[in-house]
Amino acid sequence: MLTIHYTTSFVKKWKKLKNKDQLRKRIEIFRQDPFDIRLKTHKLKNKLEGYWAFSINYKERVLFEFKINNEVVFYDFGSHDIYK
């Protein structure tokens, strides 16, 4: 099973969400299988090479990075603006 670490900015943004359930459900799916087809997990390119993203819904993504020893760091989430 994966160990997920959250950046401070990720946690602050999550606390401000009105509906936390959708993100929470996606994180649980991710924890079980980061490449579950429902997440549409994909590598990023160019200036974000080395990072990955998965879908929360049609518009929103989670930006993350795989680390060693089954650890993952979640950096940010939101629309495609998180890639800028």
Protein backbone atom coordinates (compact mmCIF):
# COMPACT_ATOMS: atom_id res chain seq x y z
CA MET A 1 0.00 0.00 0.00
CA LEU A 2 1.14 3.52 -0.77
CA THR A 3 2.07 6.12 1.79
CA ILE A 4 0.77 9.51 0.73
CA HIS A 5 2.36 12.74 1.93
CA TYR A 6 0.57 16.05 1.46
CA THR A 7 2.25 19.43 1.08
CA THR A 8 1.06 22.19 3.39
CA SER A 9 -0.46 24.08 0.47
CA PHE A 10 -2.37 20.96 -0.63
CA VAL A 11 -3.86 20.53 2.86
CA LYS A 12 -4.80 24.22 3.14
CA LYS A 13 -6.55 24.12 -0.22
CA TRP A 14 -8.35 20.88 0.72
CA LYS A 15 -9.65 22.41 3.97
CA LYS A 16 -11.24 25.23 1.98
CA LEU A 17 -13.20 22.85 -0.27
CA LYS A 18 -16.95 22.84 0.21
CA ASN A 19 -17.36 19.27 -1.06
CA LYS A 20 -14.42 17.17 0.13
CA ASP A 21 -16.06 13.82 -0.65
CA GLN A 22 -15.16 13.63 -4.33
CA LEU A 23 -11.46 14.26 -3.67
CA ARG A 24 -11.45 11.90 -0.70
CA LYS A 25 -12.99 9.10 -2.80
CA ARG A 26 -10.44 9.58 -5.59
CA ILE A 27 -7.57 9.47 -3.11
CA GLU A 28 -8.90 6.18 -1.73
CA ILE A 29 -9.04 4.73 -5.25
CA PHE A 30 -5.49 6.02 -5.82
CA ARG A 31 -4.29 4.45 -2.57
CA GLN A 32 -5.57 1.03 -3.71
CA ASP A 33 -4.30 1.34 -7.31
CA PRO A 34 -2.65 4.52 -8.61
CA PHE A 35 -3.28 3.38 -12.19
CA ASP A 36 -6.97 2.57 -11.79
CA ILE A 37 -8.63 3.39 -15.11
CA ARG A 38 -11.11 5.74 -13.40
CA LEU A 39 -8.26 8.06 -12.38
CA LYS A 40 -6.73 8.50 -15.85
CA THR A 41 -3.27 8.71 -14.28
CA HIS A 42 -0.70 10.15 -16.67
CA LYS A 43 2.88 11.40 -16.80
CA LEU A 44 3.46 15.08 -17.36
CA LYS A 45 5.90 16.56 -19.85
CA ASN A 46 8.15 19.56 -20.40
CA LYS A 47 8.70 21.68 -17.28
CA LEU A 48 6.72 19.18 -15.18
CA GLU A 49 8.65 16.12 -16.33
CA GLY A 50 8.95 13.66 -13.45
CA TYR A 51 5.51 14.60 -12.12
CA TRP A 52 2.21 12.84 -12.64
CA ALA A 53 -1.47 13.76 -12.48
CA PHE A 54 -4.76 11.97 -12.03
CA SER A 55 -8.33 13.13 -12.57
CA ILE A 56 -10.70 14.07 -9.78
CA ASN A 57 -13.41 14.85 -12.31
CA TYR A 58 -13.61 16.15 -15.87
CA LYS A 59 -11.99 19.51 -15.01
CA GLU A 60 -9.85 18.91 -11.93
CA ARG A 61 -6.56 17.06 -11.45
CA VAL A 62 -4.17 16.16 -8.64
CA LEU A 63 -0.48 16.89 -9.25
CA PHE A 64 1.84 14.40 -7.57
CA GLU A 65 5.21 12.68 -7.65
CA PHE A 66 6.20 9.08 -7.01
CA LYS A 67 9.03 8.72 -4.49
CA ILE A 68 10.97 5.67 -3.30
CA ASN A 69 9.56 2.98 -0.96
CA ASN A 70 5.95 3.26 -2.19
CA GLU A 71 5.71 6.89 -1.16
CA VAL A 72 3.88 9.60 -3.06
CA VAL A 73 3.76 13.37 -2.53
CA PHE A 74 0.59 15.28 -3.46
CA TYR A 75 1.52 18.86 -4.38
CA ASP A 76 -1.60 20.54 -5.73
CA PHE A 77 -5.03 20.01 -7.22
CA GLY A 78 -7.41 22.00 -9.36
CA SER A 79 -8.05 22.79 -13.02
CA HIS A 80 -5.35 22.66 -15.68
CA ASP A 81 -4.03 25.91 -14.18
CA ILE A 82 -2.04 23.78 -11.70
CA TYR A 83 0.29 22.90 -14.56
CA LYS A 84 1.43 26.51 -14.96
